[in-house]
């Protein structure tokens, strides 16, 4: 679309585009905007003509966004949010407002970070609700469409249309079960290197490989594993006969076998305090992994999502 077309574009059409992207249905988009299905279809036709793209095509579960629509979606939603903020009188009060926050966080983060976040929410915003889901699925797409307010995790890269706020850094440490034969003496890294290594895989590598255009365009690339620099046996790296999907599966397996595993340090400390595991320091110390929170660009600094982000930043600073 050239500059002349943009100057003549009815900005109300962008509200229709955003509703279609979120609802994946002309009927539901019309209900959301108070328009008939016919009016939605007419608006979509005008958008297609202006932008030179189909934007939405029929799929098995409704209207499916084209790659061009996916690419545009985040920026349009952020721009609409800025316009909404500009004309809306700020009146968010966490002490009395009712709001449901939708946040993605892994089981590890639910263990080390979210309990204190929940305590703060209950104290500072008693009417708020928090819905936490795991780290699987199309997280960036759900951020763009408003199905998620925030994604917390470790990311190798974040698209510029999102705002990424670092929360804390984490290192790895090797663990074995508390009553492992090696604990009869002083377990050394050299001894642990001879044990079979339990590998923590997870769903993310498959997701990245199968995500196709949507995942690539939406631009959230997660950290999928700890660095091989932690490996005690340089010949095999972080490799072993058994792979489990997450750190909590690793906790259970290590607790019942003679295997060793590399775990996030905060989780290992909590488990060792409960006398479940013994920690063995790695021979090398790579750069820590950074965990952060990602929100949509354009969120008001005085709005509820920005308020929740500030609360989480404060909690993370105390870890």
Protein backbone atom coordinates (compact mmCIF):
# COMPACT_ATOMS: atom_id res chain seq x y z
CA UNK A 1 0.00 0.00 0.00
CA UNK A 2 1.47 3.38 -1.02
CA UNK A 3 1.24 6.68 0.89
CA UNK A 4 -1.77 7.87 -1.09
CA UNK A 5 -3.71 4.74 -0.25
CA UNK A 6 -2.85 5.08 3.43
CA UNK A 7 -4.00 8.71 3.54
CA UNK A 8 -7.36 7.61 2.16
CA UNK A 9 -7.66 4.53 4.38
CA UNK A 10 -10.60 4.51 6.78
CA UNK A 11 -8.96 3.78 10.13
CA UNK A 12 -12.15 2.08 11.31
CA UNK A 13 -11.21 -0.71 8.93
CA UNK A 14 -8.23 -1.45 11.16
CA UNK A 15 -10.59 -2.10 14.08
CA UNK A 16 -12.36 -4.65 11.88
CA UNK A 17 -9.01 -6.19 10.94
CA UNK A 18 -8.01 -6.48 14.61
CA UNK A 19 -11.34 -8.06 15.56
CA UNK A 20 -11.09 -10.59 12.72
CA UNK A 21 -7.54 -11.46 13.72
CA UNK A 22 -8.65 -12.15 17.29
CA UNK A 23 -12.03 -13.80 16.67
CA UNK A 24 -11.27 -15.72 13.43
CA UNK A 25 -14.95 -15.28 12.50
CA UNK A 26 -16.88 -12.51 10.74
CA UNK A 27 -19.90 -13.22 12.94
CA UNK A 28 -17.96 -12.98 16.22
CA UNK A 29 -16.01 -9.95 15.01
CA UNK A 30 -19.29 -8.23 14.15
CA UNK A 31 -20.73 -9.02 17.57
CA UNK A 32 -17.62 -7.60 19.23
CA UNK A 33 -17.83 -4.34 17.25
CA UNK A 34 -21.62 -4.06 17.12
CA UNK A 35 -21.70 -4.57 13.34
CA UNK A 36 -23.54 -6.99 11.08
CA UNK A 37 -21.74 -9.83 9.35
CA UNK A 38 -22.47 -8.08 6.06
CA UNK A 39 -20.76 -4.90 7.29
CA UNK A 40 -17.72 -6.92 8.39
CA UNK A 41 -17.50 -8.64 5.00
CA UNK A 42 -17.78 -5.27 3.22
CA UNK A 43 -15.02 -3.80 5.39
CA UNK A 44 -12.80 -6.82 4.72
CA UNK A 45 -13.32 -6.36 1.01
CA UNK A 46 -12.19 -2.75 1.24
CA UNK A 47 -9.13 -3.76 3.24
CA UNK A 48 -8.22 -6.43 0.70
CA UNK A 49 -8.45 -3.88 -2.09
CA UNK A 50 -6.35 -1.30 -0.23
CA UNK A 51 -3.65 -3.73 0.94
CA UNK A 52 -3.50 -6.04 -2.06
CA UNK A 53 -3.78 -9.20 0.02
CA UNK A 54 -6.54 -11.65 0.91
CA UNK A 55 -5.70 -11.13 4.63
CA UNK A 56 -8.07 -13.89 5.80
CA UNK A 57 -8.97 -17.17 4.08
CA UNK A 58 -11.36 -19.86 5.17
CA UNK A 59 -9.78 -22.71 7.14
CA UNK A 60 -11.04 -25.73 9.06
CA UNK A 61 -11.58 -23.71 12.25
CA UNK A 62 -12.71 -20.39 10.77
CA UNK A 63 -10.98 -17.46 9.12
CA UNK A 64 -7.24 -18.03 8.97
CA UNK A 65 -4.86 -15.07 8.75
CA UNK A 66 -2.48 -14.95 5.81
CA UNK A 67 1.24 -14.41 6.45
CA UNK A 68 0.78 -10.74 5.54
CA UNK A 69 -2.05 -10.36 8.07
CA UNK A 70 0.03 -12.07 10.77
CA UNK A 71 2.93 -9.73 10.01
CA UNK A 72 0.70 -6.66 10.30
CA UNK A 73 -1.29 -7.81 13.30
CA UNK A 74 1.03 -6.90 16.15
CA UNK A 75 1.79 -3.39 14.84
CA UNK A 76 -1.89 -2.63 14.17
CA UNK A 77 -2.93 -3.83 17.62
CA UNK A 78 -0.20 -1.71 19.24
CA UNK A 79 -1.26 1.35 17.22
CA UNK A 80 -4.92 0.89 18.16
CA UNK A 81 -3.89 0.53 21.79
CA UNK A 82 -2.00 3.82 21.63
CA UNK A 83 -5.03 5.55 20.12
CA UNK A 84 -7.26 4.08 22.82
CA UNK A 85 -4.87 5.28 25.51
CA UNK A 86 -4.72 8.76 24.00
CA UNK A 87 -8.49 9.29 24.21
CA UNK A 88 -9.21 7.38 27.43
CA UNK A 89 -9.03 8.99 30.86
CA UNK A 90 -6.76 6.78 33.01
CA UNK A 91 -8.82 5.31 35.82
CA UNK A 92 -7.13 2.01 36.62
CA UNK A 93 -7.07 1.38 40.38
CA UNK A 94 -5.62 -2.03 41.32
CA UNK A 95 -7.16 -1.84 44.80
CA UNK A 96 -10.71 -2.00 43.50
CA UNK A 97 -10.65 -2.84 39.78
CA UNK A 98 -11.63 -6.27 38.53
CA UNK A 99 -9.42 -7.69 35.82
CA UNK A 100 -8.35 -11.11 34.58
CA UNK A 101 -4.67 -11.31 33.62
CA UNK A 102 -3.56 -14.04 31.23
CA UNK A 103 0.13 -14.91 31.62
CA UNK A 104 2.32 -17.65 30.18
CA UNK A 105 5.00 -19.04 32.50
CA UNK A 106 6.75 -22.39 32.70
CA UNK A 107 6.49 -24.76 35.65
CA UNK A 108 9.98 -23.65 36.71
CA UNK A 109 8.84 -20.02 36.86
CA UNK A 110 5.71 -21.04 38.74
CA UNK A 111 8.02 -22.60 41.32
CA UNK A 112 10.57 -19.80 41.78
CA UNK A 113 8.76 -16.58 40.82
CA UNK A 114 4.98 -16.83 40.76
CA UNK A 115 4.25 -17.67 44.44
CA UNK A 116 5.53 -14.24 45.52
CA UNK A 117 3.74 -12.59 42.59
CA UNK A 118 0.47 -14.20 43.69
CA UNK A 119 0.98 -13.05 47.29
CA UNK A 120 1.47 -9.49 46.08
CA UNK A 121 -1.61 -9.69 43.87
CA UNK A 122 -3.74 -10.94 46.72
CA UNK A 123 -2.50 -8.12 48.96
CA UNK A 124 -2.46 -5.23 46.47
CA UNK A 125 -5.22 -6.17 44.03
CA UNK A 126 -7.72 -8.45 45.79
CA UNK A 127 -10.29 -8.26 42.96
CA UNK A 128 -7.82 -9.30 40.25
CA UNK A 129 -7.66 -12.79 38.80
CA UNK A 130 -4.60 -14.45 37.32
CA UNK A 131 -4.73 -17.22 34.73
CA UNK A 132 -1.33 -18.87 34.21
CA UNK A 133 -0.75 -21.25 31.33
CA UNK A 134 2.36 -23.14 30.27
CA UNK A 135 4.95 -22.17 27.72
CA UNK A 136 3.61 -24.22 24.84
CA UNK A 137 1.63 -22.97 21.87
CA UNK A 138 1.88 -19.87 19.69
CA UNK A 139 2.77 -17.44 22.45
CA UNK A 140 3.58 -14.43 20.28
CA UNK A 141 0.44 -14.90 18.22
CA UNK A 142 -1.62 -15.04 21.40
CA UNK A 143 0.07 -11.86 22.61
CA UNK A 144 -0.77 -10.14 19.34
CA UNK A 145 -4.39 -11.26 19.48
CA UNK A 146 -4.89 -10.33 23.13
CA UNK A 147 -5.31 -13.88 24.38
CA UNK A 148 -2.20 -13.34 26.51
CA UNK A 149 -1.21 -10.19 28.38
CA UNK A 150 2.34 -11.30 29.15
CA UNK A 151 4.83 -14.08 28.42
CA UNK A 152 7.55 -14.78 30.98
CA UNK A 153 10.50 -16.93 29.94
CA UNK A 154 13.99 -17.07 28.53
CA UNK A 155 14.26 -15.73 25.00
CA UNK A 156 17.08 -15.69 22.47
CA UNK A 157 15.34 -12.95 20.50
CA UNK A 158 12.18 -10.84 20.76
CA UNK A 159 10.52 -8.99 17.86
CA UNK A 160 10.74 -5.18 18.04
CA UNK A 161 6.96 -4.77 18.28
CA UNK A 162 7.06 -6.35 21.74
CA UNK A 163 8.53 -4.87 24.92
CA UNK A 164 10.98 -7.18 26.69
CA UNK A 165 11.87 -6.46 30.32
CA UNK A 166 14.68 -8.53 31.92
CA UNK A 167 13.69 -9.97 35.30
CA UNK A 168 16.53 -12.14 36.62
CA UNK A 169 19.46 -14.29 35.53
CA UNK A 170 19.88 -17.99 36.17
CA UNK A 171 22.79 -20.40 36.08
CA UNK A 172 22.94 -24.18 35.96
CA UNK A 173 24.19 -26.69 38.50
CA UNK A 174 24.56 -30.48 38.42
CA UNK A 175 22.48 -32.58 40.80
CA UNK A 176 22.27 -36.18 42.00
CA UNK A 177 19.86 -37.74 44.50
CA UNK A 178 20.58 -37.14 48.17
CA UNK A 179 21.27 -40.82 48.94
CA UNK A 180 23.32 -41.47 45.81
CA UNK A 181 26.37 -43.76 46.40
CA UNK A 182 28.65 -40.84 45.50
CA UNK A 183 27.37 -38.87 48.49
CA UNK A 184 29.09 -41.34 50.85
CA UNK A 185 32.18 -39.24 50.21
CA UNK A 186 32.69 -35.86 48.58
CA UNK A 187 31.10 -36.03 45.13
CA UNK A 188 33.38 -34.35 42.60
CA UNK A 189 32.63 -33.14 39.06
CA UNK A 190 34.99 -35.83 37.75
CA UNK A 191 32.93 -38.55 39.44
CA UNK A 192 29.64 -37.08 38.28
CA UNK A 193 30.98 -36.91 34.71
CA UNK A 194 31.08 -40.71 34.68
CA UNK A 195 27.35 -41.00 35.47
CA UNK A 196 24.66 -41.22 32.79
CA UNK A 197 23.31 -37.75 32.04
CA UNK A 198 19.57 -37.10 32.14
CA UNK A 199 18.72 -34.69 29.30
CA UNK A 200 15.94 -32.13 29.68
CA UNK A 201 14.38 -31.60 26.28
CA UNK A 202 10.89 -30.12 26.29
CA UNK A 203 8.43 -29.30 23.52
CA UNK A 204 10.00 -26.11 22.26
CA UNK A 205 12.41 -27.49 19.67
CA UNK A 206 9.55 -29.30 17.96
CA UNK A 207 7.38 -26.19 18.18
CA UNK A 208 10.04 -24.05 16.57
CA UNK A 209 10.57 -26.58 13.79
CA UNK A 210 6.86 -27.02 13.11
CA UNK A 211 5.73 -23.47 13.77
CA UNK A 212 5.91 -22.50 10.09
CA UNK A 213 5.23 -18.98 8.94
CA UNK A 214 3.25 -17.94 11.99
CA UNK A 215 6.02 -18.64 14.51
CA UNK A 216 8.68 -17.14 12.24
CA UNK A 217 6.74 -13.95 11.57
CA UNK A 218 5.66 -13.44 15.16
CA UNK A 219 9.22 -13.47 16.39
CA UNK A 220 9.56 -14.97 19.86
CA UNK A 221 12.48 -17.39 19.89
CA UNK A 222 12.86 -19.14 23.19
CA UNK A 223 15.90 -20.64 24.89
CA UNK A 224 15.40 -24.37 24.42
CA UNK A 225 18.23 -25.86 26.50
CA UNK A 226 21.16 -25.08 28.73
CA UNK A 227 24.53 -24.45 27.13
CA UNK A 228 26.79 -27.41 26.34
CA UNK A 229 29.49 -25.39 28.10
CA UNK A 230 28.12 -26.86 31.35
CA UNK A 231 28.94 -30.39 30.21
CA UNK A 232 31.27 -32.26 32.56
CA UNK A 233 32.27 -34.65 29.78
CA UNK A 234 33.34 -32.61 26.78
CA UNK A 235 33.27 -35.64 24.50
CA UNK A 236 29.52 -36.21 24.79
CA UNK A 237 28.34 -32.73 25.81
CA UNK A 238 24.86 -32.53 27.30
CA UNK A 239 23.79 -35.89 25.95
CA UNK A 240 22.55 -39.06 27.55
CA UNK A 241 20.37 -42.15 27.22
CA UNK A 242 17.19 -40.61 28.69
CA UNK A 243 15.37 -37.38 27.79
CA UNK A 244 12.53 -35.87 29.82
CA UNK A 245 10.33 -32.89 28.86
CA UNK A 246 10.88 -30.54 31.81
CA UNK A 247 12.84 -29.85 34.99
CA UNK A 248 10.19 -31.33 37.28
CA UNK A 249 10.28 -34.64 35.44
CA UNK A 250 14.05 -34.46 35.89
CA UNK A 251 13.63 -33.93 39.63
CA UNK A 252 11.57 -37.10 39.93
CA UNK A 253 13.82 -39.24 37.74
CA UNK A 254 17.05 -38.11 39.40
CA UNK A 255 15.47 -38.76 42.79
CA UNK A 256 14.84 -42.40 41.88
CA UNK A 257 17.93 -43.29 39.82
CA UNK A 258 21.70 -42.96 39.83
CA UNK A 259 21.60 -40.43 36.96
CA UNK A 260 22.83 -36.83 37.09
CA UNK A 261 21.04 -33.82 35.62
CA UNK A 262 21.77 -30.15 34.99
CA UNK A 263 19.06 -28.01 36.62
CA UNK A 264 18.42 -24.27 37.06
CA UNK A 265 20.20 -23.27 40.23
CA UNK A 266 17.23 -21.75 42.06
CA UNK A 267 15.20 -24.91 41.57
CA UNK A 268 18.14 -27.09 42.64
CA UNK A 269 18.60 -25.02 45.81
CA UNK A 270 14.95 -25.46 46.77
CA UNK A 271 15.18 -29.21 46.17
CA UNK A 272 18.43 -29.52 48.14
CA UNK A 273 16.86 -27.64 51.05
CA UNK A 274 14.21 -30.34 51.12
CA UNK A 275 16.99 -32.97 51.29
CA UNK A 276 16.02 -34.40 47.90
CA UNK A 277 19.14 -33.56 45.91
CA UNK A 278 22.84 -32.82 46.29
CA UNK A 279 24.36 -30.09 44.11
CA UNK A 280 27.73 -30.41 42.37
CA UNK A 281 29.24 -27.28 40.88
CA UNK A 282 30.03 -27.39 37.14
CA UNK A 283 33.66 -27.19 36.11
CA UNK A 284 32.88 -24.19 33.88
CA UNK A 285 30.53 -21.27 34.40
CA UNK A 286 28.99 -19.96 31.17
CA UNK A 287 27.13 -16.66 30.98
CA UNK A 288 23.82 -16.83 32.88
CA UNK A 289 20.53 -17.24 31.05
CA UNK A 290 18.26 -14.20 31.33
CA UNK A 291 14.56 -14.59 32.07
CA UNK A 292 12.26 -11.72 31.20
CA UNK A 293 8.69 -10.59 30.65
CA UNK A 294 7.30 -9.77 27.21
CA UNK A 295 4.23 -7.59 26.66
CA UNK A 296 2.69 -5.93 23.63
CA UNK A 297 4.11 -2.61 22.54
CA UNK A 298 1.83 0.34 23.17
CA UNK A 299 0.56 -0.78 26.56
CA UNK A 300 -0.18 2.30 28.65
CA UNK A 301 2.30 3.01 31.41
CA UNK A 302 -0.68 3.61 33.70
CA UNK A 303 -2.68 0.61 32.51
CA UNK A 304 -3.21 -2.77 34.15
CA UNK A 305 -0.61 -4.73 32.17
CA UNK A 306 2.09 -2.17 32.87
CA UNK A 307 1.09 -2.25 36.55
CA UNK A 308 1.39 -6.04 36.64
CA UNK A 309 4.79 -5.83 34.95
CA UNK A 310 6.07 -3.40 37.58
CA UNK A 311 4.84 -5.72 40.34
CA UNK A 312 6.64 -8.70 38.77
CA UNK A 313 9.84 -6.68 38.31
CA UNK A 314 9.77 -5.81 42.02
CA UNK A 315 9.25 -9.44 43.00
CA UNK A 316 12.03 -10.65 40.67
CA UNK A 317 14.45 -8.16 42.22
CA UNK A 318 14.10 -10.00 45.53
CA UNK A 319 14.91 -13.47 44.18
